[in-house]
Every structure is written in structure tokens, then in C-alpha cells.
């Protein structure tokens, strides 16, 4: 089977973090989220050992409680960002992040990818393999959402209160919350291509410092 490269490349080029353009008033069906999780579960994982779990939060009271913890951890981040050199890109990102933080309790659903075990004290190679068995699935989940007109945003600020969130949701303390993804239908007309530096400028050939653009 041949793929339509124009279509698959467009999906990859336009799957991005959605904050301000997330429809807070339109519910995302659980069946759709489960369908995307089912797709995500096919992503590569070490030894094909399925130790990933997912938790969907769409209860209003739970979302409010999690949002309050999220905002508590977000404020130091925003305060720190005020000391950084300002430019158009950073200001837009901070403004967008603030918006999401302020409206976190309104998002249609929060999806938390989980991984069995904790990695404290593990050798770096084991940690890399551990995360490498869960993060590809999260990205597949975001792309599956994107192809259905649903935006998502990778966030981790709630992890400063991981234990409290775990208590709210009954997550065992032996399980790691990898991230939290607010999800909601996209309100824009289209997903634009993300701007990044060319591959030749960020890729080295054979040795560090030997840029592909100089080869």
C-alpha cells in the first residue's frame, strides 16, 4: 500500500499545540478519544510489553480541581518567563500558555498518559527506553486527534502536584503520569504549517559540529 505523502506530510507538519483555538463549549465524545487511544496503542514500545495506560478526565469537578493545581504550578513558570528576553515568538507562547492555564477547567477533556513503574534512580539508558516506550504513543494520539479536527496540547505543569492529582484520580503512587493533554475541537479554519529551522541547519554529519548544510 502506497501512502499519499502530501497528506501524511501535511498531518505531520501541522500537528501542533492548540491552546487559544480550542473549543471549550463542544464536548469531545469518549468514543472518539478511545478510538484515538486505540490507534496510539499501536505505537512502538520496548519489547512490545504493554505497560502504558490512559486516563480520560471529563468530570467537571475533577477538571476544576486539577486546573487549580495546574495554575498553582504555572504561576512560578510565568513569573520566570517575565525575566527572559522578550520577542514576538516568546510573547505569543507565554500569552497562549496563560490563556490555557486560565481556562484549563473549561477544556472538554483532559487525557493523562500513564506508564507503570517509576524511574527514579534508573540508569540513563533504562530511562530512555522507558520513555521511548510511551512517548511515541502520545504523539500518535495527538496526530489521531488532529486528523479528526481535534486539537491537543502537551502539558506537564501539573506534575509539580503529581501526588495530589494522583490522589484525586486514584492513581497508584507506583504509576507515573507522563503528561496531561487538554483536548478540544479546533476552532480555526485550518492548521498552518509549523515554522522551524531547516533540517540541514540542525543536523550534523558523522561528527558534532559538522552541519549537513556545510557538507
Protein backbone atom coordinates (compact mmCIF):
# COMPACT_ATOMS: atom_id res chain seq x y z
CA UNK A 1 0.00 0.00 0.00
CA UNK A 2 1.38 3.38 -1.01
CA UNK A 3 0.75 6.41 1.14
CA UNK A 4 -0.32 9.81 -0.10
CA UNK A 5 2.84 11.61 1.03
CA UNK A 6 1.30 15.04 0.58
CA UNK A 7 -1.46 14.13 3.01
CA UNK A 8 0.67 12.32 5.59
CA UNK A 9 3.36 15.01 5.47
CA UNK A 10 0.71 17.70 5.94
CA UNK A 11 -0.59 15.87 9.03
CA UNK A 12 2.92 15.75 10.48
CA UNK A 13 3.73 19.35 9.57
CA UNK A 14 0.53 20.78 11.07
CA UNK A 15 0.05 18.81 14.29
CA UNK A 16 0.88 21.41 16.91
CA UNK A 17 -0.01 22.62 20.40
CA UNK A 18 -3.53 24.08 20.48
CA UNK A 19 -4.46 26.46 23.28
CA UNK A 20 -6.37 29.61 22.33
CA UNK A 21 -8.16 27.96 19.43
CA UNK A 22 -9.62 25.10 21.44
CA UNK A 23 -13.43 24.99 21.50
CA UNK A 24 -14.29 24.91 25.20
CA UNK A 25 -18.03 24.60 24.58
CA UNK A 26 -18.13 21.46 22.43
CA UNK A 27 -17.77 18.08 24.06
CA UNK A 28 -15.35 15.53 22.63
CA UNK A 29 -17.07 12.12 22.61
CA UNK A 30 -15.43 9.48 24.77
CA UNK A 31 -15.80 7.07 21.88
CA UNK A 32 -13.61 9.33 19.74
CA UNK A 33 -10.96 9.56 22.46
CA UNK A 34 -10.99 5.79 22.87
CA UNK A 35 -10.64 5.38 19.11
CA UNK A 36 -7.57 7.64 19.14
CA UNK A 37 -6.11 5.81 22.14
CA UNK A 38 -6.63 2.53 20.32
CA UNK A 39 -4.59 3.92 17.43
CA UNK A 40 -1.96 5.29 19.83
CA UNK A 41 -1.53 1.91 21.50
CA UNK A 42 -0.06 0.58 18.23
CA UNK A 43 2.96 2.87 18.52
CA UNK A 44 6.39 1.24 19.04
CA UNK A 45 7.28 0.19 22.57
CA UNK A 46 10.19 -1.71 24.05
CA UNK A 47 9.84 -5.49 23.66
CA UNK A 48 6.15 -4.91 22.84
CA UNK A 49 5.47 -5.00 26.58
CA UNK A 50 2.23 -3.09 27.09
CA UNK A 51 2.77 -1.11 30.29
CA UNK A 52 1.04 2.09 29.19
CA UNK A 53 -2.33 3.22 30.49
CA UNK A 54 -4.54 6.21 29.75
CA UNK A 55 -6.93 8.17 31.91
CA UNK A 56 -9.67 10.41 30.49
CA UNK A 57 -10.98 13.14 32.79
CA UNK A 58 -14.22 14.81 31.70
CA UNK A 59 -15.93 15.25 35.09
CA UNK A 60 -16.40 18.98 35.76
CA UNK A 61 -15.45 18.84 39.45
CA UNK A 62 -12.31 16.82 38.79
CA UNK A 63 -11.28 19.13 35.96
CA UNK A 64 -11.70 22.13 38.25
CA UNK A 65 -9.60 20.54 41.00
CA UNK A 66 -6.83 19.58 38.56
CA UNK A 67 -6.93 23.03 36.94
CA UNK A 68 -6.39 24.68 40.33
CA UNK A 69 -3.31 22.54 40.95
CA UNK A 70 -2.12 23.26 37.42
CA UNK A 71 -2.41 27.01 37.94
CA UNK A 72 -0.54 26.78 41.25
CA UNK A 73 2.43 25.30 39.38
CA UNK A 74 2.01 27.58 36.37
CA UNK A 75 2.48 30.84 38.25
CA UNK A 76 6.20 30.31 39.05
CA UNK A 77 6.74 29.38 35.39
CA UNK A 78 5.05 32.56 34.20
CA UNK A 79 6.97 34.67 36.73
CA UNK A 80 10.24 33.18 35.50
CA UNK A 81 9.32 33.87 31.87
CA UNK A 82 8.95 37.59 32.65
CA UNK A 83 12.72 37.76 33.20
CA UNK A 84 13.55 36.27 29.80
CA UNK A 85 14.37 38.43 26.75
CA UNK A 86 11.12 39.33 25.04
CA UNK A 87 10.43 38.65 21.36
CA UNK A 88 7.30 38.11 19.30
CA UNK A 89 7.52 34.32 19.47
CA UNK A 90 8.12 34.02 23.21
CA UNK A 91 5.42 36.58 23.99
CA UNK A 92 2.91 34.66 21.88
CA UNK A 93 3.83 31.38 23.55
CA UNK A 94 3.53 32.82 27.06
CA UNK A 95 0.25 34.53 26.20
CA UNK A 96 -1.08 31.28 24.78
CA UNK A 97 0.10 29.29 27.81
CA UNK A 98 -1.51 31.79 30.18
CA UNK A 99 -4.78 31.52 28.31
CA UNK A 100 -4.77 27.75 28.59
CA UNK A 101 -3.92 27.93 32.29
CA UNK A 102 -6.76 30.38 32.94
CA UNK A 103 -9.25 28.22 31.05
CA UNK A 104 -7.92 24.78 31.96
CA UNK A 105 -11.06 23.89 33.91
CA UNK A 106 -13.15 24.53 30.79
CA UNK A 107 -11.40 22.12 28.44
CA UNK A 108 -13.73 19.37 27.20
CA UNK A 109 -11.41 16.63 28.44
CA UNK A 110 -8.01 16.04 29.94
CA UNK A 111 -6.17 12.90 28.85
CA UNK A 112 -3.33 11.66 31.04
CA UNK A 113 -0.92 9.09 29.56
CA UNK A 114 0.40 6.78 32.27
CA UNK A 115 3.30 4.37 32.49
CA UNK A 116 3.63 1.61 35.04
CA UNK A 117 6.64 1.92 37.37
CA UNK A 118 8.76 4.88 38.48
CA UNK A 119 12.17 5.72 37.04
CA UNK A 120 13.85 7.44 39.99
CA UNK A 121 17.48 6.31 40.20
CA UNK A 122 17.41 4.31 36.96
CA UNK A 123 20.45 4.37 34.61
CA UNK A 124 20.02 6.87 31.77
CA UNK A 125 19.78 4.12 29.16
CA UNK A 126 16.91 2.46 31.01
CA UNK A 127 15.15 5.81 31.47
CA UNK A 128 15.49 6.50 27.74
CA UNK A 129 14.00 3.12 26.87
CA UNK A 130 11.21 3.59 29.41
CA UNK A 131 10.13 6.95 27.98
CA UNK A 132 10.73 5.68 24.47
CA UNK A 133 8.03 3.11 25.08
CA UNK A 134 5.35 5.66 25.98
CA UNK A 135 6.06 8.98 24.22
CA UNK A 136 5.61 7.66 20.63
CA UNK A 137 2.10 6.61 21.65
CA UNK A 138 1.32 10.09 22.97
CA UNK A 139 2.41 11.62 19.67
CA UNK A 140 0.32 9.10 17.74
CA UNK A 141 -2.63 10.05 19.95
CA UNK A 142 -2.15 13.73 19.11
CA UNK A 143 -1.97 13.01 15.39
CA UNK A 144 -5.06 10.80 15.53
CA UNK A 145 -6.88 13.67 17.22
CA UNK A 146 -5.58 16.15 14.66
CA UNK A 147 -6.88 14.07 11.76
CA UNK A 148 -10.34 14.30 13.36
CA UNK A 149 -10.27 18.07 13.74
CA UNK A 150 -9.41 17.91 17.44
CA UNK A 151 -6.60 19.95 18.93
CA UNK A 152 -4.44 18.94 21.87
CA UNK A 153 -1.61 20.37 23.92
CA UNK A 154 1.24 18.58 25.67
CA UNK A 155 1.46 19.98 29.22
CA UNK A 156 3.47 18.91 32.27
CA UNK A 157 2.95 21.72 34.80
CA UNK A 158 0.51 19.62 36.81
CA UNK A 159 3.35 17.22 37.57
CA UNK A 160 4.53 19.62 40.26
CA UNK A 161 1.46 18.31 42.09
CA UNK A 162 1.57 14.77 40.71
CA UNK A 163 0.83 13.18 44.08
CA UNK A 164 -2.22 15.39 44.66
CA UNK A 165 -3.55 14.73 41.15
CA UNK A 166 -2.93 11.03 41.72
CA UNK A 167 -4.99 11.13 44.90
CA UNK A 168 -7.84 12.92 43.12
CA UNK A 169 -7.91 10.30 40.37
CA UNK A 170 -6.99 7.20 42.39
CA UNK A 171 -3.73 6.67 40.50
CA UNK A 172 -1.37 4.37 42.47
CA UNK A 173 1.88 6.02 43.56
CA UNK A 174 3.76 3.30 41.66
CA UNK A 175 2.42 4.69 38.37
CA UNK A 176 3.95 7.67 36.52
CA UNK A 177 1.86 10.43 35.00
CA UNK A 178 3.83 11.21 31.85
CA UNK A 179 1.95 14.37 30.85
CA UNK A 180 -1.54 15.82 30.59
CA UNK A 181 -3.19 16.67 27.29
CA UNK A 182 -6.16 19.04 27.24
CA UNK A 183 -8.21 18.20 24.14
CA UNK A 184 -10.93 20.02 22.27
CA UNK A 185 -12.16 20.64 18.75
CA UNK A 186 -10.15 23.19 16.80
CA UNK A 187 -11.93 26.49 16.11
CA UNK A 188 -9.65 27.82 13.34
CA UNK A 189 -10.15 27.49 9.62
CA UNK A 190 -7.07 25.36 9.13
CA UNK A 191 -3.91 24.11 10.80
CA UNK A 192 -0.94 26.06 9.47
CA UNK A 193 2.50 24.53 8.95
CA UNK A 194 4.74 24.92 12.00
CA UNK A 195 7.76 27.18 11.39
CA UNK A 196 11.11 25.55 12.20
CA UNK A 197 14.73 25.82 11.09
CA UNK A 198 15.71 23.73 8.03
CA UNK A 199 16.90 20.19 8.73
CA UNK A 200 20.29 20.92 7.16
CA UNK A 201 20.90 23.63 9.80
CA UNK A 202 20.15 21.40 12.79
CA UNK A 203 21.70 18.13 11.59
CA UNK A 204 25.33 17.08 11.89
CA UNK A 205 27.01 14.54 9.59
CA UNK A 206 29.31 11.97 11.24
CA UNK A 207 30.66 14.41 13.87
CA UNK A 208 29.24 17.06 16.18
CA UNK A 209 29.54 20.49 14.59
CA UNK A 210 29.78 19.25 11.00
CA UNK A 211 26.49 20.65 9.73
CA UNK A 212 24.69 18.99 6.89
CA UNK A 213 24.36 22.44 5.31
CA UNK A 214 28.17 22.59 5.03
CA UNK A 215 28.60 19.12 3.56
